[in-house]
Structure formats: structure tokens, C-alpha cells
PDB file of N, CA and C in Angstrom:
ATOM      1  N   UNK A   1      -0.545-136.715  82.799  1.00  0.00           N
ATOM      2  CA  UNK A   1      -0.354-136.622  84.487  1.00  0.00           C
ATOM      3  C   UNK A   1      -1.515-136.213  85.083  1.00  0.00           C
ATOM      4  N   UNK A   2      -2.332-137.088  85.774  1.00  0.00           N
ATOM      5  CA  UNK A   2      -3.524-136.564  86.450  1.00  0.00           C
ATOM      6  C   UNK A   2      -3.537-135.565  87.625  1.00  0.00           C
ATOM      7  N   UNK A   3      -4.317-134.747  87.950  1.00  0.00           N
ATOM      8  CA  UNK A   3      -4.324-133.776  89.094  1.00  0.00           C
ATOM      9  C   UNK A   3      -5.311-134.330  90.396  1.00  0.00           C
ATOM     10  N   UNK A   4      -4.809-134.759  91.413  1.00  0.00           N
ATOM     11  CA  UNK A   4      -5.652-135.592  92.358  1.00  0.00           C
ATOM     12  C   UNK A   4      -5.656-134.301  93.370  1.00  0.00           C
ATOM     13  N   UNK A   5      -6.848-134.349  93.835  1.00  0.00           N
ATOM     14  CA  UNK A   5      -7.636-133.196  95.167  1.00  0.00           C
ATOM     15  C   UNK A   5      -7.686-134.180  96.208  1.00  0.00           C
ATOM     16  N   UNK A   6      -6.992-133.607  97.435  1.00  0.00           N
ATOM     17  CA  UNK A   6      -6.728-134.542  98.525  1.00  0.00           C
ATOM     18  C   UNK A   6      -7.624-133.629  99.635  1.00  0.00           C
ATOM     19  N   UNK A   7      -8.685-133.990  99.914  1.00  0.00           N
ATOM     20  CA  UNK A   7      -9.649-133.566 100.887  1.00  0.00           C
ATOM     21  C   UNK A   7      -8.967-134.287 102.299  1.00  0.00           C
ATOM     22  N   UNK A   8      -8.845-133.438 103.289  1.00  0.00           N
ATOM     23  CA  UNK A   8      -8.333-133.760 104.663  1.00  0.00           C
ATOM     24  C   UNK A   8      -9.495-133.530 105.920  1.00  0.00           C
ATOM     25  N   UNK A   9     -10.076-134.827 106.490  1.00  0.00           N
ATOM     26  CA  UNK A   9     -10.989-134.831 107.073  1.00  0.00           C
ATOM     27  C   UNK A   9     -10.682-134.436 108.353  1.00  0.00           C
ATOM     28  N   UNK A  10     -11.222-133.375 108.883  1.00  0.00           N
ATOM     29  CA  UNK A  10     -10.685-132.798 110.424  1.00  0.00           C
ATOM     30  C   UNK A  10     -12.030-133.067 111.603  1.00  0.00           C
ATOM     31  N   UNK A  11     -12.944-133.717 111.137  1.00  0.00           N
ATOM     32  CA  UNK A  11     -13.982-133.922 112.118  1.00  0.00           C
ATOM     33  C   UNK A  11     -13.622-134.597 113.685  1.00  0.00           C
ATOM     34  N   UNK A  12     -12.952-135.364 113.543  1.00  0.00           N
ATOM     35  CA  UNK A  12     -12.385-136.092 114.790  1.00  0.00           C
ATOM     36  C   UNK A  12     -11.409-135.120 115.492  1.00  0.00           C
ATOM     37  N   UNK A  13     -10.837-134.519 114.883  1.00  0.00           N
ATOM     38  CA  UNK A  13      -9.753-133.454 115.752  1.00  0.00           C
ATOM     39  C   UNK A  13     -11.136-132.208 116.247  1.00  0.00           C
ATOM     40  N   UNK A  14     -11.863-131.917 115.437  1.00  0.00           N
ATOM     41  CA  UNK A  14     -13.065-130.912 115.975  1.00  0.00           C
ATOM     42  C   UNK A  14     -13.691-131.631 117.087  1.00  0.00           C
ATOM     43  N   UNK A  15     -14.180-132.660 117.011  1.00  0.00           N
ATOM     44  CA  UNK A  15     -14.459-133.362 118.416  1.00  0.00           C
ATOM     45  C   UNK A  15     -13.753-133.523 119.471  1.00  0.00           C
ATOM     46  N   UNK A  16     -12.906-133.556 119.097  1.00  0.00           N
ATOM     47  CA  UNK A  16     -11.534-133.884 120.166  1.00  0.00           C
ATOM     48  C   UNK A  16     -11.242-132.571 120.980  1.00  0.00           C
ATOM     49  N   UNK A  17     -11.076-131.578 120.055  1.00  0.00           N
ATOM     50  CA  UNK A  17     -10.904-129.954 120.310  1.00  0.00           C
ATOM     51  C   UNK A  17     -12.082-129.316 121.523  1.00  0.00           C
ATOM     52  N   UNK A  18     -13.607-129.854 120.996  1.00  0.00           N
ATOM     53  CA  UNK A  18     -14.653-129.511 121.753  1.00  0.00           C
ATOM     54  C   UNK A  18     -14.504-130.236 123.048  1.00  0.00           C
ATOM     55  N   UNK A  19     -14.005-131.167 123.272  1.00  0.00           N
ATOM     56  CA  UNK A  19     -13.672-132.528 124.295  1.00  0.00           C
ATOM     57  C   UNK A  19     -12.815-131.676 125.274  1.00  0.00           C
ATOM     58  N   UNK A  20     -11.731-131.279 124.764  1.00  0.00           N
ATOM     59  CA  UNK A  20     -10.969-130.736 125.255  1.00  0.00           C
ATOM     60  C   UNK A  20     -11.185-129.301 125.979  1.00  0.00           C
ATOM     61  N   UNK A  21     -11.734-128.293 125.570  1.00  0.00           N
ATOM     62  CA  UNK A  21     -12.359-127.221 125.852  1.00  0.00           C
ATOM     63  C   UNK A  21     -13.291-127.489 127.092  1.00  0.00           C
ATOM     64  N   UNK A  22     -14.326-128.631 126.582  1.00  0.00           N
ATOM     65  CA  UNK A  22     -15.345-128.640 127.744  1.00  0.00           C
ATOM     66  C   UNK A  22     -14.445-129.272 129.126  1.00  0.00           C
ATOM     67  N   UNK A  23     -13.494-130.022 128.873  1.00  0.00           N
ATOM     68  CA  UNK A  23     -12.795-130.415 130.237  1.00  0.00           C
ATOM     69  C   UNK A  23     -12.176-129.320 131.060  1.00  0.00           C
ATOM     70  N   UNK A  24     -11.612-128.482 130.135  1.00  0.00           N
ATOM     71  CA  UNK A  24     -11.330-127.187 130.637  1.00  0.00           C
ATOM     72  C   UNK A  24     -12.073-126.367 131.524  1.00  0.00           C
ATOM     73  N   UNK A  25     -13.575-126.278 130.658  1.00  0.00           N
ATOM     74  CA  UNK A  25     -14.296-125.488 131.123  1.00  0.00           C
ATOM     75  C   UNK A  25     -15.173-126.139 132.540  1.00  0.00           C
ATOM     76  N   UNK A  26     -15.425-127.373 132.529  1.00  0.00           N
ATOM     77  CA  UNK A  26     -15.952-127.977 133.582  1.00  0.00           C
ATOM     78  C   UNK A  26     -14.976-128.344 134.582  1.00  0.00           C
ATOM     79  N   UNK A  27     -13.843-128.531 134.875  1.00  0.00           N
ATOM     80  CA  UNK A  27     -13.116-129.009 135.857  1.00  0.00           C
ATOM     81  C   UNK A  27     -12.271-127.652 136.290  1.00  0.00           C
ATOM     82  N   UNK A  28     -11.936-127.624 137.637  1.00  0.00           N
ATOM     83  CA  UNK A  28     -11.389-126.439 138.388  1.00  0.00           C
ATOM     84  C   UNK A  28      -9.535-126.463 137.797  1.00  0.00           C
ATOM     85  N   UNK A  29      -8.935-125.376 137.451  1.00  0.00           N
ATOM     86  CA  UNK A  29      -7.673-125.293 137.422  1.00  0.00           C
ATOM     87  C   UNK A  29      -6.763-126.191 137.981  1.00  0.00           C
ATOM     88  N   UNK A  30      -6.629-126.495 139.407  1.00  0.00           N
ATOM     89  CA  UNK A  30      -5.989-127.437 140.083  1.00  0.00           C
ATOM     90  C   UNK A  30      -6.246-128.755 139.788  1.00  0.00           C
ATOM     91  N   UNK A  31      -6.989-129.335 139.099  1.00  0.00           N
ATOM     92  CA  UNK A  31      -7.387-130.758 138.910  1.00  0.00           C
ATOM     93  C   UNK A  31      -6.820-131.384 138.025  1.00  0.00           C
ATOM     94  N   UNK A  32      -6.256-132.506 137.786  1.00  0.00           N
ATOM     95  CA  UNK A  32      -5.570-133.046 137.076  1.00  0.00           C
ATOM     96  C   UNK A  32      -6.006-133.331 135.643  1.00  0.00           C
ATOM     97  N   UNK A  33      -7.103-133.139 135.481  1.00  0.00           N
ATOM     98  CA  UNK A  33      -8.033-133.325 134.494  1.00  0.00           C
ATOM     99  C   UNK A  33      -7.884-131.866 133.332  1.00  0.00           C
ATOM    100  N   UNK A  34      -8.034-130.891 134.074  1.00  0.00           N
ATOM    101  CA  UNK A  34      -7.898-129.440 133.607  1.00  0.00           C
ATOM    102  C   UNK A  34      -6.198-129.455 132.820  1.00  0.00           C
ATOM    103  N   UNK A  35      -5.391-129.741 133.913  1.00  0.00           N
ATOM    104  CA  UNK A  35      -4.280-129.671 133.526  1.00  0.00           C
ATOM    105  C   UNK A  35      -3.522-130.759 132.229  1.00  0.00           C
ATOM    106  N   UNK A  36      -4.240-131.937 132.103  1.00  0.00           N
ATOM    107  CA  UNK A  36      -4.042-132.493 131.200  1.00  0.00           C
ATOM    108  C   UNK A  36      -4.541-131.719 129.877  1.00  0.00           C
ATOM    109  N   UNK A  37      -5.909-131.456 130.142  1.00  0.00           N
ATOM    110  CA  UNK A  37      -6.452-130.452 128.989  1.00  0.00           C
ATOM    111  C   UNK A  37      -5.625-129.328 128.325  1.00  0.00           C
ATOM    112  N   UNK A  38      -5.071-128.910 129.528  1.00  0.00           N
ATOM    113  CA  UNK A  38      -4.287-127.903 129.080  1.00  0.00           C
ATOM    114  C   UNK A  38      -3.162-128.242 128.243  1.00  0.00           C
ATOM    115  N   UNK A  39      -2.409-129.152 128.685  1.00  0.00           N
ATOM    116  CA  UNK A  39      -1.433-129.658 127.898  1.00  0.00           C
ATOM    117  C   UNK A  39      -1.436-130.118 126.364  1.00  0.00           C
ATOM    118  N   UNK A  40      -3.015-130.550 126.386  1.00  0.00           N
ATOM    119  CA  UNK A  40      -3.351-131.145 124.820  1.00  0.00           C
ATOM    120  C   UNK A  40      -3.442-130.071 124.198  1.00  0.00           C
ATOM    121  N   UNK A  41      -3.871-129.160 124.535  1.00  0.00           N
ATOM    122  CA  UNK A  41      -4.152-127.810 123.807  1.00  0.00           C
ATOM    123  C   UNK A  41      -3.134-127.087 123.398  1.00  0.00           C
ATOM    124  N   UNK A  42      -1.849-126.990 124.195  1.00  0.00           N
ATOM    125  CA  UNK A  42      -0.755-126.412 124.044  1.00  0.00           C
ATOM    126  C   UNK A  42      -0.110-127.348 122.590  1.00  0.00           C
ATOM    127  N   UNK A  43       0.053-128.659 122.734  1.00  0.00           N
ATOM    128  CA  UNK A  43       0.511-129.566 121.903  1.00  0.00           C
ATOM    129  C   UNK A  43      -0.444-129.239 120.746  1.00  0.00           C
ATOM    130  N   UNK A  44      -1.564-129.048 120.314  1.00  0.00           N
ATOM    131  CA  UNK A  44      -2.101-128.538 119.516  1.00  0.00           C
ATOM    132  C   UNK A  44      -1.980-127.183 118.819  1.00  0.00           C
ATOM    133  N   UNK A  45      -1.422-126.547 119.847  1.00  0.00           N
ATOM    134  CA  UNK A  45      -1.232-124.905 119.640  1.00  0.00           C
ATOM    135  C   UNK A  45      -0.066-124.863 118.845  1.00  0.00           C
ATOM    136  N   UNK A  46       1.050-125.681 119.393  1.00  0.00           N
ATOM    137  CA  UNK A  46       2.428-125.870 119.018  1.00  0.00           C
ATOM    138  C   UNK A  46       2.293-126.359 117.324  1.00  0.00           C
ATOM    139  N   UNK A  47       1.480-127.237 117.282  1.00  0.00           N
ATOM    140  CA  UNK A  47       1.362-127.740 115.675  1.00  0.00           C
ATOM    141  C   UNK A  47       1.233-126.853 114.687  1.00  0.00           C
ATOM    142  N   UNK A  48       0.042-126.360 115.220  1.00  0.00           N
ATOM    143  CA  UNK A  48      -0.379-125.022 114.485  1.00  0.00           C
ATOM    144  C   UNK A  48       0.590-123.813 114.310  1.00  0.00           C
ATOM    145  N   UNK A  49       1.572-123.482 115.157  1.00  0.00           N
ATOM    146  CA  UNK A  49       2.831-122.395 115.062  1.00  0.00           C
ATOM    147  C   UNK A  49       3.861-122.914 114.162  1.00  0.00           C
ATOM    148  N   UNK A  50       4.019-124.503 114.299  1.00  0.00           N
ATOM    149  CA  UNK A  50       5.091-125.069 113.877  1.00  0.00           C
ATOM    150  C   UNK A  50       5.006-126.433 112.946  1.00  0.00           C
ATOM    151  N   UNK A  51       4.133-126.235 112.171  1.00  0.00           N
ATOM    152  CA  UNK A  51       3.417-127.627 111.744  1.00  0.00           C
ATOM    153  C   UNK A  51       4.592-128.307 110.503  1.00  0.00           C
ATOM    154  N   UNK A  52       4.807-129.958 110.967  1.00  0.00           N
ATOM    155  CA  UNK A  52       5.603-130.631 109.992  1.00  0.00           C
ATOM    156  C   UNK A  52       4.971-130.764 108.581  1.00  0.00           C
ATOM    157  N   UNK A  53       3.647-130.552 108.393  1.00  0.00           N
ATOM    158  CA  UNK A  53       3.343-130.682 107.061  1.00  0.00           C
ATOM    159  C   UNK A  53       2.070-130.000 107.157  1.00  0.00           C
ATOM    160  N   UNK A  54       1.127-129.908 105.662  1.00  0.00           N
ATOM    161  CA  UNK A  54      -0.099-129.507 105.738  1.00  0.00           C
ATOM    162  C   UNK A  54      -1.114-130.134 106.362  1.00  0.00           C
ATOM    163  N   UNK A  55      -1.003-131.464 106.600  1.00  0.00           N
ATOM    164  CA  UNK A  55      -1.834-132.524 107.179  1.00  0.00           C
ATOM    165  C   UNK A  55      -2.019-132.048 108.888  1.00  0.00           C
ATOM    166  N   UNK A  56      -0.653-131.998 109.458  1.00  0.00           N
ATOM    167  CA  UNK A  56      -0.712-131.948 110.837  1.00  0.00           C
ATOM    168  C   UNK A  56      -1.123-130.512 111.037  1.00  0.00           C
ATOM    169  N   UNK A  57      -0.906-129.748 110.294  1.00  0.00           N
ATOM    170  CA  UNK A  57      -1.640-128.060 110.322  1.00  0.00           C
ATOM    171  C   UNK A  57      -3.204-128.118 110.206  1.00  0.00           C
ATOM    172  N   UNK A  58      -3.663-128.688 109.643  1.00  0.00           N
ATOM    173  CA  UNK A  58      -5.045-128.810 108.950  1.00  0.00           C
ATOM    174  C   UNK A  58      -5.981-129.651 110.221  1.00  0.00           C
ATOM    175  N   UNK A  59      -5.395-130.387 110.698  1.00  0.00           N
ATOM    176  CA  UNK A  59      -6.046-131.147 112.308  1.00  0.00           C
ATOM    177  C   UNK A  59      -5.779-130.593 113.126  1.00  0.00           C
ATOM    178  N   UNK A  60      -4.598-129.812 113.556  1.00  0.00           N
ATOM    179  CA  UNK A  60      -4.584-128.936 114.914  1.00  0.00           C
ATOM    180  C   UNK A  60      -5.390-127.743 114.520  1.00  0.00           C
ATOM    181  N   UNK A  61      -5.101-127.081 113.478  1.00  0.00           N
ATOM    182  CA  UNK A  61      -6.093-125.904 113.262  1.00  0.00           C
ATOM    183  C   UNK A  61      -7.516-126.496 113.676  1.00  0.00           C
ATOM    184  N   UNK A  62      -8.262-127.386 113.181  1.00  0.00           N
ATOM    185  CA  UNK A  62      -9.501-127.757 113.587  1.00  0.00           C
ATOM    186  C   UNK A  62      -9.919-128.056 115.098  1.00  0.00           C
ATOM    187  N   UNK A  63      -8.963-128.525 115.618  1.00  0.00           N
ATOM    188  CA  UNK A  63      -8.845-128.984 116.957  1.00  0.00           C
ATOM    189  C   UNK A  63      -8.761-127.636 117.723  1.00  0.00           C
ATOM    190  N   UNK A  64      -8.088-126.605 117.407  1.00  0.00           N
ATOM    191  CA  UNK A  64      -8.013-125.394 118.332  1.00  0.00           C
ATOM    192  C   UNK A  64      -9.142-124.679 117.744  1.00  0.00           C
ATOM    193  N   UNK A  65      -9.677-124.565 116.538  1.00  0.00           N
ATOM    194  CA  UNK A  65     -10.832-123.749 116.475  1.00  0.00           C
ATOM    195  C   UNK A  65     -12.357-124.373 116.955  1.00  0.00           C
ATOM    196  N   UNK A  66     -12.213-125.538 116.732  1.00  0.00           N
ATOM    197  CA  UNK A  66     -13.296-126.124 117.538  1.00  0.00           C
ATOM    198  C   UNK A  66     -13.732-125.946 118.992  1.00  0.00           C
ATOM    199  N   UNK A  67     -12.290-126.075 119.620  1.00  0.00           N
ATOM    200  CA  UNK A  67     -12.182-125.572 121.212  1.00  0.00           C
ATOM    201  C   UNK A  67     -12.444-124.108 121.403  1.00  0.00           C
ATOM    202  N   UNK A  68     -12.277-123.221 120.597  1.00  0.00           N
ATOM    203  CA  UNK A  68     -12.671-121.876 120.983  1.00  0.00           C
ATOM    204  C   UNK A  68     -14.045-121.630 120.448  1.00  0.00           C
ATOM    205  N   UNK A  69     -14.419-122.276 119.657  1.00  0.00           N
ATOM    206  CA  UNK A  69     -15.890-122.152 119.285  1.00  0.00           C
ATOM    207  C   UNK A  69     -16.569-122.577 120.405  1.00  0.00           C
ATOM    208  N   UNK A  70     -16.174-123.798 121.107  1.00  0.00           N
ATOM    209  CA  UNK A  70     -17.006-124.202 122.324  1.00  0.00           C
ATOM    210  C   UNK A  70     -17.007-123.408 123.347  1.00  0.00           C
ATOM    211  N   UNK A  71     -15.909-122.699 123.689  1.00  0.00           N
ATOM    212  CA  UNK A  71     -16.054-121.743 124.718  1.00  0.00           C
ATOM    213  C   UNK A  71     -16.480-120.223 124.352  1.00  0.00           C
ATOM    214  N   UNK A  72     -16.529-120.227 123.190  1.00  0.00           N
ATOM    215  CA  UNK A  72     -17.295-119.058 122.960  1.00  0.00           C
ATOM    216  C   UNK A  72     -19.049-119.081 122.954  1.00  0.00           C
ATOM    217  N   UNK A  73     -19.396-120.363 122.796  1.00  0.00           N
ATOM    218  CA  UNK A  73     -20.898-120.791 123.012  1.00  0.00           C
ATOM    219  C   UNK A  73     -21.440-120.751 124.325  1.00  0.00           C
ATOM    220  N   UNK A  74     -20.521-121.014 125.395  1.00  0.00           N
ATOM    221  CA  UNK A  74     -20.665-121.349 126.765  1.00  0.00           C
ATOM    222  C   UNK A  74     -20.694-119.952 127.592  1.00  0.00           C
ATOM    223  N   UNK A  75     -19.787-118.963 127.097  1.00  0.00           N
ATOM    224  CA  UNK A  75     -19.809-117.696 127.733  1.00  0.00           C
ATOM    225  C   UNK A  75     -20.649-116.972 127.386  1.00  0.00           C
ATOM    226  N   UNK A  76     -21.502-117.282 125.820  1.00  0.00           N
ATOM    227  CA  UNK A  76     -22.558-116.212 125.703  1.00  0.00           C
ATOM    228  C   UNK A  76     -23.961-116.640 125.880  1.00  0.00           C
TER     229      UNK A  76
END
């Protein structure tokens, strides 16, 4: 039996995480854009905390980490 190595490509989720964080940063809290970005962030945060499988976890983690990196960059 052969062993296969699976690579999960998360770059799409990293871009989405940065876009979500950028939206939260650009729009005031009371705007629909900001609120939708918060909802999206919370969805991925929930997937990190309670993933259905490893792929979901890795993608959600990439989303959250990239968003956090963006916020760190704009605050410095």
C-alpha cells in the first residue's frame, strides 16, 4: 500500500481573511459592510474552534491568521 501526502492549499482563504480584515478596518462599525465582515470572521472562528475535518480547520485557520496579520501590519 502506498502512502500519499496531501497538501492543503489555503492561499484563497488567506486572501479572503485579509480582505475581511481590511473591510473591518476601512468601514465604521455601524455600516453593513463592517457587520457582514464580522459575521464572516465569526463563521471562520467557529470553524477553527469546532472543525468538521482537518481541511475545514486548515482553511479557517489560514483565514483567521491572515486577517490577524493584516491588522497587525496596519496598526504598526
